[in-house]
Amino acid sequence: MDTRAWLLVAAVAALLTMGIAAVLLIRLFRTRKLLLDAGVPLRNKALVWAAVLYTVCPVDLIPDPVYLDDIGFLLLALRSLSAQAPGRFGRRVP
């Protein structure tokens, strides 16, 4: 592959990553109400904050330019939080 092809692949990967990051940011703003809800366990709230800190932390488990592990941890934390939420966000697990 020539240089133009590699630049195109890198640009597509960067745009895809930015799109996923934008979706995660929107989901994070929507779940901020759950972080204040007394019915959601503290463990799940702490998991979300730990995932946010890991996402912005400069130290990384897997050094990669597209932040795949960061996005994955944040998605798992948001899914865990919404699974514990009462009402429309999900079913509360005992």
PDB file of N, CA and C in Angstrom:
ATOM      1  N   MET A   1       0.837  -1.184   0.000  1.00  0.00           N
ATOM      2  CA  MET A   1       0.000   0.000   0.000  1.00  0.00           C
ATOM      3  C   MET A   1       0.879   1.243   0.000  1.00  0.00           C
ATOM      4  N   ASP A   2       0.437   2.231  -0.700  1.00  0.00           N
ATOM      5  CA  ASP A   2       1.192   3.470  -0.736  1.00  0.00           C
ATOM      6  C   ASP A   2       0.774   4.389   0.412  1.00  0.00           C
ATOM      7  N   THR A   3       1.420   5.524   0.488  1.00  0.00           N
ATOM      8  CA  THR A   3       1.200   6.456   1.590  1.00  0.00           C
ATOM      9  C   THR A   3      -0.221   7.017   1.601  1.00  0.00           C
ATOM     10  N   ARG A   4      -0.780   7.266   0.446  1.00  0.00           N
ATOM     11  CA  ARG A   4      -2.146   7.819   0.398  1.00  0.00           C
ATOM     12  C   ARG A   4      -3.161   6.829   0.957  1.00  0.00           C
ATOM     13  N   ALA A   5      -2.971   5.555   0.669  1.00  0.00           N
ATOM     14  CA  ALA A   5      -3.893   4.538   1.180  1.00  0.00           C
ATOM     15  C   ALA A   5      -3.812   4.455   2.702  1.00  0.00           C
ATOM     16  N   TRP A   6      -2.590   4.511   3.246  1.00  0.00           N
ATOM     17  CA  TRP A   6      -2.446   4.468   4.696  1.00  0.00           C
ATOM     18  C   TRP A   6      -3.051   5.696   5.351  1.00  0.00           C
ATOM     19  N   LEU A   7      -2.877   6.841   4.736  1.00  0.00           N
ATOM     20  CA  LEU A   7      -3.484   8.061   5.279  1.00  0.00           C
ATOM     21  C   LEU A   7      -5.005   7.980   5.244  1.00  0.00           C
ATOM     22  N   LEU A   8      -5.555   7.394   4.203  1.00  0.00           N
ATOM     23  CA  LEU A   8      -7.002   7.228   4.116  1.00  0.00           C
ATOM     24  C   LEU A   8      -7.513   6.283   5.200  1.00  0.00           C
ATOM     25  N   VAL A   9      -6.796   5.177   5.416  1.00  0.00           N
ATOM     26  CA  VAL A   9      -7.187   4.238   6.474  1.00  0.00           C
ATOM     27  C   VAL A   9      -7.116   4.910   7.842  1.00  0.00           C
ATOM     28  N   ALA A  10      -6.060   5.682   8.074  1.00  0.00           N
ATOM     29  CA  ALA A  10      -5.920   6.383   9.351  1.00  0.00           C
ATOM     30  C   ALA A  10      -7.017   7.421   9.534  1.00  0.00           C
ATOM     31  N   ALA A  11      -7.378   8.123   8.467  1.00  0.00           N
ATOM     32  CA  ALA A  11      -8.439   9.127   8.566  1.00  0.00           C
ATOM     33  C   ALA A  11      -9.784   8.479   8.861  1.00  0.00           C
ATOM     34  N   VAL A  12     -10.071   7.355   8.220  1.00  0.00           N
ATOM     35  CA  VAL A  12     -11.332   6.653   8.468  1.00  0.00           C
ATOM     36  C   VAL A  12     -11.379   6.138   9.902  1.00  0.00           C
ATOM     37  N   ALA A  13     -10.255   5.585  10.384  1.00  0.00           N
ATOM     38  CA  ALA A  13     -10.206   5.097  11.767  1.00  0.00           C
ATOM     39  C   ALA A  13     -10.398   6.250  12.751  1.00  0.00           C
ATOM     40  N   ALA A  14      -9.794   7.393  12.479  1.00  0.00           N
ATOM     41  CA  ALA A  14      -9.946   8.546  13.369  1.00  0.00           C
ATOM     42  C   ALA A  14     -11.378   9.061  13.370  1.00  0.00           C
ATOM     43  N   LEU A  15     -12.010   9.122  12.206  1.00  0.00           N
ATOM     44  CA  LEU A  15     -13.405   9.572  12.140  1.00  0.00           C
ATOM     45  C   LEU A  15     -14.335   8.603  12.843  1.00  0.00           C
ATOM     46  N   LEU A  16     -14.094   7.318  12.681  1.00  0.00           N
ATOM     47  CA  LEU A  16     -14.910   6.313  13.362  1.00  0.00           C
ATOM     48  C   LEU A  16     -14.764   6.422  14.876  1.00  0.00           C
ATOM     49  N   THR A  17     -13.539   6.614  15.326  1.00  0.00           N
ATOM     50  CA  THR A  17     -13.302   6.770  16.758  1.00  0.00           C
ATOM     51  C   THR A  17     -13.977   8.018  17.308  1.00  0.00           C
ATOM     52  N   MET A  18     -13.903   9.109  16.587  1.00  0.00           N
ATOM     53  CA  MET A  18     -14.558  10.342  17.040  1.00  0.00           C
ATOM     54  C   MET A  18     -16.077  10.180  17.068  1.00  0.00           C
ATOM     55  N   GLY A  19     -16.636   9.455  16.107  1.00  0.00           N
ATOM     56  CA  GLY A  19     -18.075   9.210  16.114  1.00  0.00           C
ATOM     57  C   GLY A  19     -18.504   8.387  17.312  1.00  0.00           C
ATOM     58  N   ILE A  20     -17.757   7.331  17.598  1.00  0.00           N
ATOM     59  CA  ILE A  20     -18.071   6.496  18.760  1.00  0.00           C
ATOM     60  C   ILE A  20     -17.904   7.291  20.048  1.00  0.00           C
ATOM     61  N   ALA A  21     -16.864   8.126  20.114  1.00  0.00           N
ATOM     62  CA  ALA A  21     -16.648   8.956  21.305  1.00  0.00           C
ATOM     63  C   ALA A  21     -17.790   9.948  21.493  1.00  0.00           C
ATOM     64  N   ALA A  22     -18.309  10.498  20.406  1.00  0.00           N
ATOM     65  CA  ALA A  22     -19.436  11.428  20.515  1.00  0.00           C
ATOM     66  C   ALA A  22     -20.682  10.718  21.040  1.00  0.00           C
ATOM     67  N   VAL A  23     -20.932   9.509  20.553  1.00  0.00           N
ATOM     68  CA  VAL A  23     -22.080   8.729  21.041  1.00  0.00           C
ATOM     69  C   VAL A  23     -21.917   8.414  22.521  1.00  0.00           C
ATOM     70  N   LEU A  24     -20.703   8.040  22.931  1.00  0.00           N
ATOM     71  CA  LEU A  24     -20.456   7.762  24.345  1.00  0.00           C
ATOM     72  C   LEU A  24     -20.632   9.004  25.206  1.00  0.00           C
ATOM     73  N   LEU A  25     -20.212  10.140  24.709  1.00  0.00           N
ATOM     74  CA  LEU A  25     -20.377  11.375  25.469  1.00  0.00           C
ATOM     75  C   LEU A  25     -21.853  11.698  25.670  1.00  0.00           C
ATOM     76  N   ILE A  26     -22.645  11.497  24.638  1.00  0.00           N
ATOM     77  CA  ILE A  26     -24.089  11.717  24.755  1.00  0.00           C
ATOM     78  C   ILE A  26     -24.688  10.747  25.762  1.00  0.00           C
ATOM     79  N   ARG A  27     -24.291   9.469  25.685  1.00  0.00           N
ATOM     80  CA  ARG A  27     -24.799   8.480  26.652  1.00  0.00           C
ATOM     81  C   ARG A  27     -24.376   8.824  28.066  1.00  0.00           C
ATOM     82  N   LEU A  28     -23.174   9.339  28.221  1.00  0.00           N
ATOM     83  CA  LEU A  28     -22.688   9.710  29.545  1.00  0.00           C
ATOM     84  C   LEU A  28     -23.483  10.869  30.123  1.00  0.00           C
ATOM     85  N   PHE A  29     -23.817  11.866  29.303  1.00  0.00           N
ATOM     86  CA  PHE A  29     -24.640  12.978  29.781  1.00  0.00           C
ATOM     87  C   PHE A  29     -26.052  12.520  30.119  1.00  0.00           C
ATOM     88  N   ARG A  30     -26.576  11.567  29.371  1.00  0.00           N
ATOM     89  CA  ARG A  30     -27.922  11.064  29.667  1.00  0.00           C
ATOM     90  C   ARG A  30     -27.957  10.240  30.947  1.00  0.00           C
ATOM     91  N   THR A  31     -26.871   9.595  31.290  1.00  0.00           N
ATOM     92  CA  THR A  31     -26.861   8.757  32.489  1.00  0.00           C
ATOM     93  C   THR A  31     -26.452   9.515  33.740  1.00  0.00           C
ATOM     94  N   ARG A  32     -26.166  10.805  33.626  1.00  0.00           N
ATOM     95  CA  ARG A  32     -25.773  11.540  34.830  1.00  0.00           C
ATOM     96  C   ARG A  32     -26.897  11.570  35.863  1.00  0.00           C
ATOM     97  N   LYS A  33     -28.149  11.470  35.424  1.00  0.00           N
ATOM     98  CA  LYS A  33     -29.263  11.405  36.374  1.00  0.00           C
ATOM     99  C   LYS A  33     -29.189  10.126  37.200  1.00  0.00           C
ATOM    100  N   LEU A  34     -28.729   9.043  36.562  1.00  0.00           N
ATOM    101  CA  LEU A  34     -28.605   7.781  37.283  1.00  0.00           C
ATOM    102  C   LEU A  34     -27.509   7.840  38.335  1.00  0.00           C
ATOM    103  N   LEU A  35     -26.502   8.661  38.099  1.00  0.00           N
ATOM    104  CA  LEU A  35     -25.435   8.780  39.080  1.00  0.00           C
ATOM    105  C   LEU A  35     -25.914   9.473  40.355  1.00  0.00           C
ATOM    106  N   LEU A  36     -27.002  10.207  40.273  1.00  0.00           N
ATOM    107  CA  LEU A  36     -27.574  10.871  41.445  1.00  0.00           C
ATOM    108  C   LEU A  36     -28.721  10.075  42.066  1.00  0.00           C
ATOM    109  N   ASP A  37     -29.175   9.023  41.389  1.00  0.00           N
ATOM    110  CA  ASP A  37     -30.305   8.229  41.856  1.00  0.00           C
ATOM    111  C   ASP A  37     -29.897   7.378  43.055  1.00  0.00           C
ATOM    112  N   ALA A  38     -30.688   7.443  44.114  1.00  0.00           N
ATOM    113  CA  ALA A  38     -30.389   6.680  45.327  1.00  0.00           C
ATOM    114  C   ALA A  38     -30.650   5.189  45.148  1.00  0.00           C
ATOM    115  N   GLY A  39     -31.449   4.795  44.162  1.00  0.00           N
ATOM    116  CA  GLY A  39     -31.775   3.395  43.965  1.00  0.00           C
ATOM    117  C   GLY A  39     -30.715   2.605  43.212  1.00  0.00           C
ATOM    118  N   VAL A  40     -29.718   3.265  42.679  1.00  0.00           N
ATOM    119  CA  VAL A  40     -28.652   2.587  41.939  1.00  0.00           C
ATOM    120  C   VAL A  40     -27.500   2.313  42.909  1.00  0.00           C
ATOM    121  N   PRO A  41     -26.992   1.080  42.925  1.00  0.00           N
ATOM    122  CA  PRO A  41     -25.905   0.746  43.856  1.00  0.00           C
ATOM    123  C   PRO A  41     -24.651   1.594  43.641  1.00  0.00           C
ATOM    124  N   LEU A  42     -23.977   1.891  44.736  1.00  0.00           N
ATOM    125  CA  LEU A  42     -22.769   2.708  44.700  1.00  0.00           C
ATOM    126  C   LEU A  42     -21.677   2.042  43.866  1.00  0.00           C
ATOM    127  N   ARG A  43     -21.642   0.717  43.867  1.00  0.00           N
ATOM    128  CA  ARG A  43     -20.632  -0.015  43.103  1.00  0.00           C
ATOM    129  C   ARG A  43     -20.710   0.325  41.614  1.00  0.00           C
ATOM    130  N   ASN A  44     -21.917   0.390  41.088  1.00  0.00           N
ATOM    131  CA  ASN A  44     -22.099   0.699  39.671  1.00  0.00           C
ATOM    132  C   ASN A  44     -21.753   2.151  39.363  1.00  0.00           C
ATOM    133  N   LYS A  45     -22.066   3.041  40.295  1.00  0.00           N
ATOM    134  CA  LYS A  45     -21.701   4.443  40.110  1.00  0.00           C
ATOM    135  C   LYS A  45     -20.179   4.605  40.113  1.00  0.00           C
ATOM    136  N   ALA A  46     -19.516   3.921  41.028  1.00  0.00           N
ATOM    137  CA  ALA A  46     -18.057   4.002  41.103  1.00  0.00           C
ATOM    138  C   ALA A  46     -17.414   3.404  39.857  1.00  0.00           C
ATOM    139  N   LEU A  47     -18.023   2.368  39.305  1.00  0.00           N
ATOM    140  CA  LEU A  47     -17.495   1.766  38.089  1.00  0.00           C
ATOM    141  C   LEU A  47     -17.526   2.751  36.916  1.00  0.00           C
ATOM    142  N   VAL A  48     -18.596   3.533  36.822  1.00  0.00           N
ATOM    143  CA  VAL A  48     -18.692   4.538  35.760  1.00  0.00           C
ATOM    144  C   VAL A  48     -17.617   5.597  35.941  1.00  0.00           C
ATOM    145  N   TRP A  49     -17.429   6.091  37.160  1.00  0.00           N
ATOM    146  CA  TRP A  49     -16.420   7.117  37.392  1.00  0.00           C
ATOM    147  C   TRP A  49     -15.017   6.567  37.156  1.00  0.00           C
ATOM    148  N   ALA A  50     -14.778   5.318  37.519  1.00  0.00           N
ATOM    149  CA  ALA A  50     -13.467   4.704  37.255  1.00  0.00           C
ATOM    150  C   ALA A  50     -13.222   4.582  35.758  1.00  0.00           C
ATOM    151  N   ALA A  51     -14.255   4.237  35.005  1.00  0.00           N
ATOM    152  CA  ALA A  51     -14.112   4.130  33.550  1.00  0.00           C
ATOM    153  C   ALA A  51     -13.855   5.496  32.928  1.00  0.00           C
ATOM    154  N   VAL A  52     -14.502   6.535  33.437  1.00  0.00           N
ATOM    155  CA  VAL A  52     -14.258   7.889  32.923  1.00  0.00           C
ATOM    156  C   VAL A  52     -12.822   8.312  33.223  1.00  0.00           C
ATOM    157  N   LEU A  53     -12.361   8.040  34.439  1.00  0.00           N
ATOM    158  CA  LEU A  53     -10.979   8.379  34.790  1.00  0.00           C
ATOM    159  C   LEU A  53      -9.986   7.600  33.933  1.00  0.00           C
ATOM    160  N   TYR A  54     -10.263   6.334  33.678  1.00  0.00           N
ATOM    161  CA  TYR A  54      -9.379   5.533  32.828  1.00  0.00           C
ATOM    162  C   TYR A  54      -9.359   6.071  31.401  1.00  0.00           C
ATOM    163  N   THR A  55     -10.486   6.566  30.938  1.00  0.00           N
ATOM    164  CA  THR A  55     -10.558   7.096  29.577  1.00  0.00           C
ATOM    165  C   THR A  55      -9.702   8.350  29.425  1.00  0.00           C
ATOM    166  N   VAL A  56      -9.686   9.209  30.417  1.00  0.00           N
ATOM    167  CA  VAL A  56      -8.911  10.446  30.316  1.00  0.00           C
ATOM    168  C   VAL A  56      -7.485  10.310  30.844  1.00  0.00           C
ATOM    169  N   CYS A  57      -7.165   9.199  31.476  1.00  0.00           N
ATOM    170  CA  CYS A  57      -5.832   8.972  32.031  1.00  0.00           C
ATOM    171  C   CYS A  57      -4.826   8.747  30.895  1.00  0.00           C
ATOM    172  N   PRO A  58      -3.647   9.348  30.999  1.00  0.00           N
ATOM    173  CA  PRO A  58      -2.654   9.166  29.940  1.00  0.00           C
ATOM    174  C   PRO A  58      -2.018   7.777  29.928  1.00  0.00           C
ATOM    175  N   VAL A  59      -2.064   7.045  31.043  1.00  0.00           N
ATOM    176  CA  VAL A  59      -1.522   5.688  31.098  1.00  0.00           C
ATOM    177  C   VAL A  59      -2.573   4.738  30.539  1.00  0.00           C
ATOM    178  N   ASP A  60      -2.140   3.812  29.687  1.00  0.00           N
ATOM    179  CA  ASP A  60      -3.082   2.954  28.993  1.00  0.00           C
ATOM    180  C   ASP A  60      -2.635   1.496  29.077  1.00  0.00           C
ATOM    181  N   LEU A  61      -3.583   0.575  29.232  1.00  0.00           N
ATOM    182  CA  LEU A  61      -3.247  -0.841  29.223  1.00  0.00           C
ATOM    183  C   LEU A  61      -2.803  -1.299  27.836  1.00  0.00           C
ATOM    184  N   ILE A  62      -3.521  -0.876  26.832  1.00  0.00           N
ATOM    185  CA  ILE A  62      -3.208  -1.219  25.454  1.00  0.00           C
ATOM    186  C   ILE A  62      -2.928   0.088  24.715  1.00  0.00           C
ATOM    187  N   PRO A  63      -1.659   0.384  24.446  1.00  0.00           N
ATOM    188  CA  PRO A  63      -1.375   1.637  23.730  1.00  0.00           C
ATOM    189  C   PRO A  63      -1.846   1.545  22.276  1.00  0.00           C
ATOM    190  N   ASP A  64      -2.828   2.332  21.962  1.00  0.00           N
ATOM    191  CA  ASP A  64      -3.380   2.325  20.609  1.00  0.00           C
ATOM    192  C   ASP A  64      -3.875   3.725  20.271  1.00  0.00           C
ATOM    193  N   PRO A  65      -3.852   4.087  19.012  1.00  0.00           N
ATOM    194  CA  PRO A  65      -4.268   5.442  18.647  1.00  0.00           C
ATOM    195  C   PRO A  65      -5.777   5.637  18.575  1.00  0.00           C
ATOM    196  N   VAL A  66      -6.566   4.554  18.680  1.00  0.00           N
ATOM    197  CA  VAL A  66      -8.011   4.698  18.507  1.00  0.00           C
ATOM    198  C   VAL A  66      -8.787   4.442  19.793  1.00  0.00           C
ATOM    199  N   TYR A  67      -8.116   4.246  20.905  1.00  0.00           N
ATOM    200  CA  TYR A  67      -8.749   4.149  22.229  1.00  0.00           C
ATOM    201  C   TYR A  67      -9.792   3.032  22.322  1.00  0.00           C
ATOM    202  N   LEU A  68      -9.501   1.872  21.755  1.00  0.00           N
ATOM    203  CA  LEU A  68     -10.468   0.778  21.778  1.00  0.00           C
ATOM    204  C   LEU A  68     -10.743   0.271  23.188  1.00  0.00           C
ATOM    205  N   ASP A  69      -9.707   0.090  23.996  1.00  0.00           N
ATOM    206  CA  ASP A  69      -9.926  -0.412  25.351  1.00  0.00           C
ATOM    207  C   ASP A  69     -10.634   0.626  26.223  1.00  0.00           C
ATOM    208  N   ASP A  70     -10.318   1.903  26.037  1.00  0.00           N
ATOM    209  CA  ASP A  70     -10.987   2.954  26.809  1.00  0.00           C
ATOM    210  C   ASP A  70     -12.483   2.977  26.517  1.00  0.00           C
ATOM    211  N   ILE A  71     -12.818   2.926  25.256  1.00  0.00           N
ATOM    212  CA  ILE A  71     -14.223   2.940  24.846  1.00  0.00           C
ATOM    213  C   ILE A  71     -14.928   1.687  25.344  1.00  0.00           C
ATOM    214  N   GLY A  72     -14.253   0.561  25.284  1.00  0.00           N
ATOM    215  CA  GLY A  72     -14.850  -0.691  25.765  1.00  0.00           C
ATOM    216  C   GLY A  72     -15.157  -0.657  27.254  1.00  0.00           C
ATOM    217  N   PHE A  73     -14.205  -0.153  28.053  1.00  0.00           N
ATOM    218  CA  PHE A  73     -14.442  -0.051  29.495  1.00  0.00           C
ATOM    219  C   PHE A  73     -15.598   0.896  29.801  1.00  0.00           C
ATOM    220  N   LEU A  74     -15.648   2.000  29.096  1.00  0.00           N
ATOM    221  CA  LEU A  74     -16.725   2.958  29.329  1.00  0.00           C
ATOM    222  C   LEU A  74     -18.079   2.379  28.924  1.00  0.00           C
ATOM    223  N   LEU A  75     -18.122   1.655  27.813  1.00  0.00           N
ATOM    224  CA  LEU A  75     -19.375   1.006  27.407  1.00  0.00           C
ATOM    225  C   LEU A  75     -19.839  -0.019  28.442  1.00  0.00           C
ATOM    226  N   LEU A  76     -18.921  -0.826  28.948  1.00  0.00           N
ATOM    227  CA  LEU A  76     -19.296  -1.814  29.970  1.00  0.00           C
ATOM    228  C   LEU A  76     -19.798  -1.142  31.246  1.00  0.00           C
ATOM    229  N   ALA A  77     -19.173  -0.051  31.641  1.00  0.00           N
ATOM    230  CA  ALA A  77     -19.605   0.659  32.845  1.00  0.00           C
ATOM    231  C   ALA A  77     -20.987   1.264  32.658  1.00  0.00           C
ATOM    232  N   LEU A  78     -21.239   1.868  31.502  1.00  0.00           N
ATOM    233  CA  LEU A  78     -22.560   2.442  31.242  1.00  0.00           C
ATOM    234  C   LEU A  78     -23.632   1.368  31.160  1.00  0.00           C
ATOM    235  N   ARG A  79     -23.302   0.226  30.571  1.00  0.00           N
ATOM    236  CA  ARG A  79     -24.254  -0.884  30.497  1.00  0.00           C
ATOM    237  C   ARG A  79     -24.564  -1.420  31.898  1.00  0.00           C
ATOM    238  N   SER A  80     -23.546  -1.516  32.737  1.00  0.00           N
ATOM    239  CA  SER A  80     -23.732  -1.977  34.106  1.00  0.00           C
ATOM    240  C   SER A  80     -24.630  -1.023  34.884  1.00  0.00           C
ATOM    241  N   LEU A  81     -24.418   0.269  34.691  1.00  0.00           N
ATOM    242  CA  LEU A  81     -25.230   1.266  35.388  1.00  0.00           C
ATOM    243  C   LEU A  81     -26.677   1.225  34.920  1.00  0.00           C
ATOM    244  N   SER A  82     -26.888   1.142  33.623  1.00  0.00           N
ATOM    245  CA  SER A  82     -28.262   1.138  33.120  1.00  0.00           C
ATOM    246  C   SER A  82     -28.985  -0.168  33.443  1.00  0.00           C
ATOM    247  N   ALA A  83     -28.249  -1.266  33.624  1.00  0.00           N
ATOM    248  CA  ALA A  83     -28.887  -2.526  34.004  1.00  0.00           C
ATOM    249  C   ALA A  83     -29.423  -2.470  35.437  1.00  0.00           C
ATOM    250  N   GLN A  84     -28.800  -1.664  36.281  1.00  0.00           N
ATOM    251  CA  GLN A  84     -29.228  -1.540  37.676  1.00  0.00           C
ATOM    252  C   GLN A  84     -30.273  -0.456  37.883  1.00  0.00           C
ATOM    253  N   ALA A  85     -30.545   0.313  36.853  1.00  0.00           N
ATOM    254  CA  ALA A  85     -31.447   1.454  36.993  1.00  0.00           C
ATOM    255  C   ALA A  85     -32.903   1.017  36.966  1.00  0.00           C
ATOM    256  N   PRO A  86     -33.716   1.612  37.802  1.00  0.00           N
ATOM    257  CA  PRO A  86     -35.141   1.315  37.769  1.00  0.00           C
ATOM    258  C   PRO A  86     -35.828   2.045  36.613  1.00  0.00           C
ATOM    259  N   GLY A  87     -36.957   1.525  36.206  1.00  0.00           N
ATOM    260  CA  GLY A  87     -37.774   2.226  35.213  1.00  0.00           C
ATOM    261  C   GLY A  87     -37.356   2.011  33.777  1.00  0.00           C
ATOM    262  N   ARG A  88     -37.365   3.071  33.004  1.00  0.00           N
ATOM    263  CA  ARG A  88     -37.184   2.970  31.562  1.00  0.00           C
ATOM    264  C   ARG A  88     -35.756   2.654  31.137  1.00  0.00           C
ATOM    265  N   PHE A  89     -34.772   2.858  32.002  1.00  0.00           N
ATOM    266  CA  PHE A  89     -33.389   2.632  31.632  1.00  0.00           C
ATOM    267  C   PHE A  89     -33.012   1.161  31.647  1.00  0.00           C
ATOM    268  N   GLY A  90     -33.752   0.348  32.296  1.00  0.00           N
ATOM    269  CA  GLY A  90     -33.420  -1.064  32.360  1.00  0.00           C
ATOM    270  C   GLY A  90     -34.113  -1.736  33.512  1.00  0.00           C
ATOM    271  N   ARG A  91     -33.791  -2.980  33.696  1.00  0.00           N
ATOM    272  CA  ARG A  91     -34.385  -3.765  34.770  1.00  0.00           C
ATOM    273  C   ARG A  91     -33.422  -3.817  35.935  1.00  0.00           C
ATOM    274  N   ARG A  92     -33.926  -3.637  37.131  1.00  0.00           N
ATOM    275  CA  ARG A  92     -33.069  -3.696  38.313  1.00  0.00           C
ATOM    276  C   ARG A  92     -32.794  -5.147  38.644  1.00  0.00           C
ATOM    277  N   VAL A  93     -31.511  -5.438  38.803  1.00  0.00           N
ATOM    278  CA  VAL A  93     -31.095  -6.791  39.168  1.00  0.00           C
ATOM    279  C   VAL A  93     -30.893  -6.830  40.659  1.00  0.00           C
ATOM    280  N   PRO A  94     -31.509  -7.800  41.344  1.00  0.00           N
ATOM    281  CA  PRO A  94     -31.371  -7.837  42.812  1.00  0.00           C
ATOM    282  C   PRO A  94     -29.986  -8.158  43.269  1.00  0.00           C
TER     283      PRO A  94
END
